[in-house]
Amino acid sequence: MPPAKRTTARPAKKTAKKSAKKSATRPAKKATKRSGPRKMSTAHKAALAEGRQVSSIVDRYLSALHVPKQRGRKVSLASLQARLASAEEKLKHATGVARLTAAQDVRDLRKRVSATVSAGASDIKSLEAAFVRVAKKFGEKRGIGYGAWRDAGVPAQVLKRAGVRRTRG
């Protein structure tokens, strides 16, 4: 069995002497007056705004890449609006269970119309063009390499147009 560890008590005088000695060798800190809130330069504010804008462009493009594709036959907005108008007319005159199903049809068609309108707003081609303009600079500033872009789902042709070079590692 190993011998028990011994602890020795240190006298309080030594520590008091050391702290007194340290304070004697250090110069006393001067009380400084605090300045008001720091102001950012206009260049710094502009750089922050540009960074937010570039980040937003990249985020919108990457989000658009991962939206699931609609399956089936594409329906035009005009035909959806015509179906909605007839469903609303049917809802006005229906009673009982027919009224209930007509109300659900109206809700479903309104949802499809709004989805069709918003899908047109997020045109992938315009998002891709904006992404191509900023991807190289964004990647260089954040240390994002070619492989990470590919892992995120960005096509190789888009990266080539953006000027992002293939790298190892």
C-alpha atoms as a PDB file:
ATOM      1  CA  MET A   1       0.000   0.000   0.000  1.00  0.00           C
ATOM      2  CA  PRO A   2       1.451   3.390  -0.984  1.00  0.00           C
ATOM      3  CA  PRO A   3       2.109   5.921   1.752  1.00  0.00           C
ATOM      4  CA  ALA A   4      -0.591   8.509   2.402  1.00  0.00           C
ATOM      5  CA  LYS A   5      -0.094  11.897   0.803  1.00  0.00           C
ATOM      6  CA  ARG A   6       0.876  14.597   3.251  1.00  0.00           C
ATOM      7  CA  THR A   7      -0.381  18.110   2.988  1.00  0.00           C
ATOM      8  CA  THR A   8       1.470  20.918   4.571  1.00  0.00           C
ATOM      9  CA  ALA A   9      -0.199  24.009   5.841  1.00  0.00           C
ATOM     10  CA  ARG A  10       1.286  27.200   4.541  1.00  0.00           C
ATOM     11  CA  PRO A  11       1.636  30.073   6.916  1.00  0.00           C
ATOM     12  CA  ALA A  12      -0.573  33.055   6.226  1.00  0.00           C
ATOM     13  CA  LYS A  13       2.328  35.469   6.619  1.00  0.00           C
ATOM     14  CA  LYS A  14       4.092  34.345   3.444  1.00  0.00           C
ATOM     15  CA  THR A  15       1.091  34.910   1.226  1.00  0.00           C
ATOM     16  CA  ALA A  16       0.479  38.285   2.759  1.00  0.00           C
ATOM     17  CA  LYS A  17       4.100  39.228   2.136  1.00  0.00           C
ATOM     18  CA  LYS A  18       3.935  38.085  -1.482  1.00  0.00           C
ATOM     19  CA  SER A  19       0.788  40.066  -2.272  1.00  0.00           C
ATOM     20  CA  ALA A  20       2.227  43.145  -0.591  1.00  0.00           C
ATOM     21  CA  LYS A  21       5.421  42.736  -2.559  1.00  0.00           C
ATOM     22  CA  LYS A  22       3.538  42.384  -5.874  1.00  0.00           C
ATOM     23  CA  SER A  23       1.453  45.493  -5.319  1.00  0.00           C
ATOM     24  CA  ALA A  24       4.570  47.471  -4.476  1.00  0.00           C
ATOM     25  CA  THR A  25       6.273  46.576  -7.766  1.00  0.00           C
ATOM     26  CA  ARG A  26       3.265  47.244 -10.021  1.00  0.00           C
ATOM     27  CA  PRO A  27       2.265  50.772 -10.919  1.00  0.00           C
ATOM     28  CA  ALA A  28      -1.209  51.746  -9.802  1.00  0.00           C
ATOM     29  CA  LYS A  29      -3.856  51.838 -12.514  1.00  0.00           C
ATOM     30  CA  LYS A  30      -5.114  55.247 -13.420  1.00  0.00           C
ATOM     31  CA  ALA A  31      -8.815  55.885 -13.303  1.00  0.00           C
ATOM     32  CA  THR A  32      -9.778  56.610 -16.893  1.00  0.00           C
ATOM     33  CA  LYS A  33     -12.857  58.387 -18.019  1.00  0.00           C
ATOM     34  CA  ARG A  34     -15.127  56.200 -20.103  1.00  0.00           C
ATOM     35  CA  SER A  35     -15.974  57.467 -23.521  1.00  0.00           C
ATOM     36  CA  GLY A  36     -19.496  57.354 -24.896  1.00  0.00           C
ATOM     37  CA  PRO A  37     -20.796  54.598 -27.130  1.00  0.00           C
ATOM     38  CA  ARG A  38     -18.512  53.719 -29.997  1.00  0.00           C
ATOM     39  CA  LYS A  39     -19.613  54.856 -33.415  1.00  0.00           C
ATOM     40  CA  MET A  40     -19.210  52.769 -36.542  1.00  0.00           C
ATOM     41  CA  SER A  41     -17.809  54.365 -39.638  1.00  0.00           C
ATOM     42  CA  THR A  42     -19.957  54.542 -42.739  1.00  0.00           C
ATOM     43  CA  ALA A  43     -17.547  52.195 -44.503  1.00  0.00           C
ATOM     44  CA  HIS A  44     -17.979  49.611 -41.744  1.00  0.00           C
ATOM     45  CA  LYS A  45     -21.764  49.957 -41.894  1.00  0.00           C
ATOM     46  CA  ALA A  46     -21.683  49.541 -45.675  1.00  0.00           C
ATOM     47  CA  ALA A  47     -19.506  46.430 -45.364  1.00  0.00           C
ATOM     48  CA  LEU A  48     -21.935  44.907 -42.860  1.00  0.00           C
ATOM     49  CA  ALA A  49     -24.890  45.671 -45.122  1.00  0.00           C
ATOM     50  CA  GLU A  50     -23.123  44.119 -48.106  1.00  0.00           C
ATOM     51  CA  GLY A  51     -22.321  41.005 -46.073  1.00  0.00           C
ATOM     52  CA  ARG A  52     -25.965  40.631 -45.060  1.00  0.00           C
ATOM     53  CA  GLN A  53     -27.083  41.058 -48.669  1.00  0.00           C
ATOM     54  CA  VAL A  54     -24.596  38.519 -50.045  1.00  0.00           C
ATOM     55  CA  SER A  55     -25.481  36.037 -47.315  1.00  0.00           C
ATOM     56  CA  SER A  56     -29.165  36.480 -48.127  1.00  0.00           C
ATOM     57  CA  ILE A  57     -28.546  35.809 -51.842  1.00  0.00           C
ATOM     58  CA  VAL A  58     -26.648  32.602 -51.085  1.00  0.00           C
ATOM     59  CA  ASP A  59     -29.290  31.480 -48.581  1.00  0.00           C
ATOM     60  CA  ARG A  60     -32.191  32.060 -50.988  1.00  0.00           C
ATOM     61  CA  TYR A  61     -30.434  30.143 -53.773  1.00  0.00           C
ATOM     62  CA  LEU A  62     -29.531  27.181 -51.551  1.00  0.00           C
ATOM     63  CA  SER A  63     -33.091  27.090 -50.182  1.00  0.00           C
ATOM     64  CA  ALA A  64     -34.528  27.121 -53.704  1.00  0.00           C
ATOM     65  CA  LEU A  65     -32.291  24.192 -54.670  1.00  0.00           C
ATOM     66  CA  HIS A  66     -33.848  22.015 -51.990  1.00  0.00           C
ATOM     67  CA  VAL A  67     -37.512  22.738 -52.662  1.00  0.00           C
ATOM     68  CA  PRO A  68     -39.115  19.465 -53.728  1.00  0.00           C
ATOM     69  CA  LYS A  69     -40.296  19.371 -57.323  1.00  0.00           C
ATOM     70  CA  GLN A  70     -44.039  19.300 -57.963  1.00  0.00           C
ATOM     71  CA  ARG A  71     -45.049  15.987 -59.441  1.00  0.00           C
ATOM     72  CA  GLY A  72     -47.670  15.541 -62.080  1.00  0.00           C
ATOM     73  CA  ARG A  73     -49.164  17.734 -64.754  1.00  0.00           C
ATOM     74  CA  LYS A  74     -48.584  21.465 -64.405  1.00  0.00           C
ATOM     75  CA  VAL A  75     -51.736  23.536 -64.017  1.00  0.00           C
ATOM     76  CA  SER A  76     -51.826  27.129 -65.212  1.00  0.00           C
ATOM     77  CA  LEU A  77     -52.734  29.966 -62.907  1.00  0.00           C
ATOM     78  CA  ALA A  78     -55.662  30.964 -65.153  1.00  0.00           C
ATOM     79  CA  SER A  79     -57.260  27.519 -64.947  1.00  0.00           C
ATOM     80  CA  LEU A  80     -56.806  27.454 -61.169  1.00  0.00           C
ATOM     81  CA  GLN A  81     -58.503  30.833 -60.837  1.00  0.00           C
ATOM     82  CA  ALA A  82     -61.380  29.681 -63.050  1.00  0.00           C
ATOM     83  CA  ARG A  83     -61.823  26.553 -60.923  1.00  0.00           C
ATOM     84  CA  LEU A  84     -61.736  28.703 -57.788  1.00  0.00           C
ATOM     85  CA  ALA A  85     -64.458  30.994 -59.122  1.00  0.00           C
ATOM     86  CA  SER A  86     -66.737  28.046 -59.940  1.00  0.00           C
ATOM     87  CA  ALA A  87     -66.047  26.447 -56.536  1.00  0.00           C
ATOM     88  CA  GLU A  88     -66.952  29.715 -54.782  1.00  0.00           C
ATOM     89  CA  GLU A  89     -70.179  29.884 -56.798  1.00  0.00           C
ATOM     90  CA  LYS A  90     -70.988  26.281 -55.872  1.00  0.00           C
ATOM     91  CA  LEU A  91     -70.319  27.110 -52.194  1.00  0.00           C
ATOM     92  CA  LYS A  92     -72.931  29.902 -52.233  1.00  0.00           C
ATOM     93  CA  HIS A  93     -75.755  27.558 -53.279  1.00  0.00           C
ATOM     94  CA  ALA A  94     -74.758  24.284 -51.562  1.00  0.00           C
ATOM     95  CA  THR A  95     -76.265  22.927 -48.335  1.00  0.00           C
ATOM     96  CA  GLY A  96     -75.336  20.172 -45.904  1.00  0.00           C
ATOM     97  CA  VAL A  97     -72.401  17.915 -46.733  1.00  0.00           C
ATOM     98  CA  ALA A  98     -72.130  19.401 -50.228  1.00  0.00           C
ATOM     99  CA  ARG A  99     -71.481  22.810 -48.616  1.00  0.00           C
ATOM    100  CA  LEU A 100     -68.785  21.292 -46.425  1.00  0.00           C
ATOM    101  CA  THR A 101     -66.951  19.687 -49.363  1.00  0.00           C
ATOM    102  CA  ALA A 102     -67.336  22.862 -51.447  1.00  0.00           C
ATOM    103  CA  ALA A 103     -65.807  24.902 -48.616  1.00  0.00           C
ATOM    104  CA  GLN A 104     -62.841  22.524 -48.487  1.00  0.00           C
ATOM    105  CA  ASP A 105     -62.431  22.735 -52.275  1.00  0.00           C
ATOM    106  CA  VAL A 106     -62.360  26.540 -52.079  1.00  0.00           C
ATOM    107  CA  ARG A 107     -59.710  26.408 -49.354  1.00  0.00           C
ATOM    108  CA  ASP A 108     -57.575  23.944 -51.344  1.00  0.00           C
ATOM    109  CA  LEU A 109     -57.803  25.975 -54.546  1.00  0.00           C
ATOM    110  CA  ARG A 110     -56.911  29.231 -52.756  1.00  0.00           C
ATOM    111  CA  LYS A 111     -53.858  27.515 -51.305  1.00  0.00           C
ATOM    112  CA  ARG A 112     -52.795  26.232 -54.749  1.00  0.00           C
ATOM    113  CA  VAL A 113     -53.279  29.669 -56.318  1.00  0.00           C
ATOM    114  CA  SER A 114     -51.144  31.339 -53.638  1.00  0.00           C
ATOM    115  CA  ALA A 115     -48.470  28.622 -53.982  1.00  0.00           C
ATOM    116  CA  THR A 116     -48.407  29.120 -57.757  1.00  0.00           C
ATOM    117  CA  VAL A 117     -48.066  32.884 -57.398  1.00  0.00           C
ATOM    118  CA  SER A 118     -45.259  32.602 -54.814  1.00  0.00           C
ATOM    119  CA  ALA A 119     -43.448  29.923 -56.853  1.00  0.00           C
ATOM    120  CA  GLY A 120     -43.237  32.376 -59.747  1.00  0.00           C
ATOM    121  CA  ALA A 121     -41.598  34.917 -57.432  1.00  0.00           C
ATOM    122  CA  SER A 122     -38.755  32.553 -56.556  1.00  0.00           C
ATOM    123  CA  ASP A 123     -37.570  31.993 -60.099  1.00  0.00           C
ATOM    124  CA  ILE A 124     -34.552  29.716 -59.883  1.00  0.00           C
ATOM    125  CA  LYS A 125     -32.851  31.292 -62.902  1.00  0.00           C
ATOM    126  CA  SER A 126     -32.739  34.770 -61.374  1.00  0.00           C
ATOM    127  CA  LEU A 127     -31.606  33.345 -58.027  1.00  0.00           C
ATOM    128  CA  GLU A 128     -28.884  31.384 -59.805  1.00  0.00           C
ATOM    129  CA  ALA A 129     -27.681  34.478 -61.677  1.00  0.00           C
ATOM    130  CA  ALA A 130     -27.417  36.430 -58.416  1.00  0.00           C
ATOM    131  CA  PHE A 131     -25.639  33.487 -56.769  1.00  0.00           C
ATOM    132  CA  VAL A 132     -23.078  33.299 -59.585  1.00  0.00           C
ATOM    133  CA  ARG A 133     -22.205  36.967 -59.010  1.00  0.00           C
ATOM    134  CA  VAL A 134     -21.461  36.543 -55.285  1.00  0.00           C
ATOM    135  CA  ALA A 135     -20.488  32.889 -54.681  1.00  0.00           C
ATOM    136  CA  LYS A 136     -16.739  33.204 -55.198  1.00  0.00           C
ATOM    137  CA  LYS A 137     -16.347  36.221 -52.907  1.00  0.00           C
ATOM    138  CA  PHE A 138     -18.648  34.675 -50.285  1.00  0.00           C
ATOM    139  CA  GLY A 139     -16.706  31.404 -50.310  1.00  0.00           C
ATOM    140  CA  GLU A 140     -13.317  33.105 -50.075  1.00  0.00           C
ATOM    141  CA  LYS A 141     -14.358  35.274 -47.132  1.00  0.00           C
ATOM    142  CA  ARG A 142     -15.882  32.371 -45.215  1.00  0.00           C
ATOM    143  CA  GLY A 143     -13.343  29.710 -46.178  1.00  0.00           C
ATOM    144  CA  ILE A 144     -15.849  27.566 -48.089  1.00  0.00           C
ATOM    145  CA  GLY A 145     -14.285  25.235 -50.624  1.00  0.00           C
ATOM    146  CA  TYR A 146     -15.559  23.585 -53.770  1.00  0.00           C
ATOM    147  CA  GLY A 147     -16.419  20.334 -52.002  1.00  0.00           C
ATOM    148  CA  ALA A 148     -18.616  22.070 -49.439  1.00  0.00           C
ATOM    149  CA  TRP A 149     -20.556  23.824 -52.204  1.00  0.00           C
ATOM    150  CA  ARG A 150     -21.063  20.492 -53.953  1.00  0.00           C
ATOM    151  CA  ASP A 151     -22.130  18.828 -50.688  1.00  0.00           C
ATOM    152  CA  ALA A 152     -24.710  21.599 -50.267  1.00  0.00           C
ATOM    153  CA  GLY A 153     -26.174  20.656 -53.652  1.00  0.00           C
ATOM    154  CA  VAL A 154     -24.820  23.396 -55.911  1.00  0.00           C
ATOM    155  CA  PRO A 155     -24.302  22.013 -59.447  1.00  0.00           C
ATOM    156  CA  ALA A 156     -20.748  21.927 -60.789  1.00  0.00           C
ATOM    157  CA  GLN A 157     -21.701  24.024 -63.826  1.00  0.00           C
ATOM    158  CA  VAL A 158     -22.987  26.817 -61.597  1.00  0.00           C
ATOM    159  CA  LEU A 159     -19.770  26.800 -59.560  1.00  0.00           C
ATOM    160  CA  LYS A 160     -17.725  26.936 -62.737  1.00  0.00           C
ATOM    161  CA  ARG A 161     -19.674  29.989 -63.938  1.00  0.00           C
ATOM    162  CA  ALA A 162     -19.191  31.573 -60.502  1.00  0.00           C
ATOM    163  CA  GLY A 163     -15.427  31.092 -60.744  1.00  0.00           C
ATOM    164  CA  VAL A 164     -15.145  28.687 -57.800  1.00  0.00           C
ATOM    165  CA  ARG A 165     -12.201  26.438 -58.567  1.00  0.00           C
ATOM    166  CA  ARG A 166     -12.040  22.735 -57.793  1.00  0.00           C
ATOM    167  CA  THR A 167      -9.708  22.058 -54.909  1.00  0.00           C
ATOM    168  CA  ARG A 168      -8.461  19.000 -53.092  1.00  0.00           C
ATOM    169  CA  GLY A 169      -9.416  18.534 -49.482  1.00  0.00           C
END
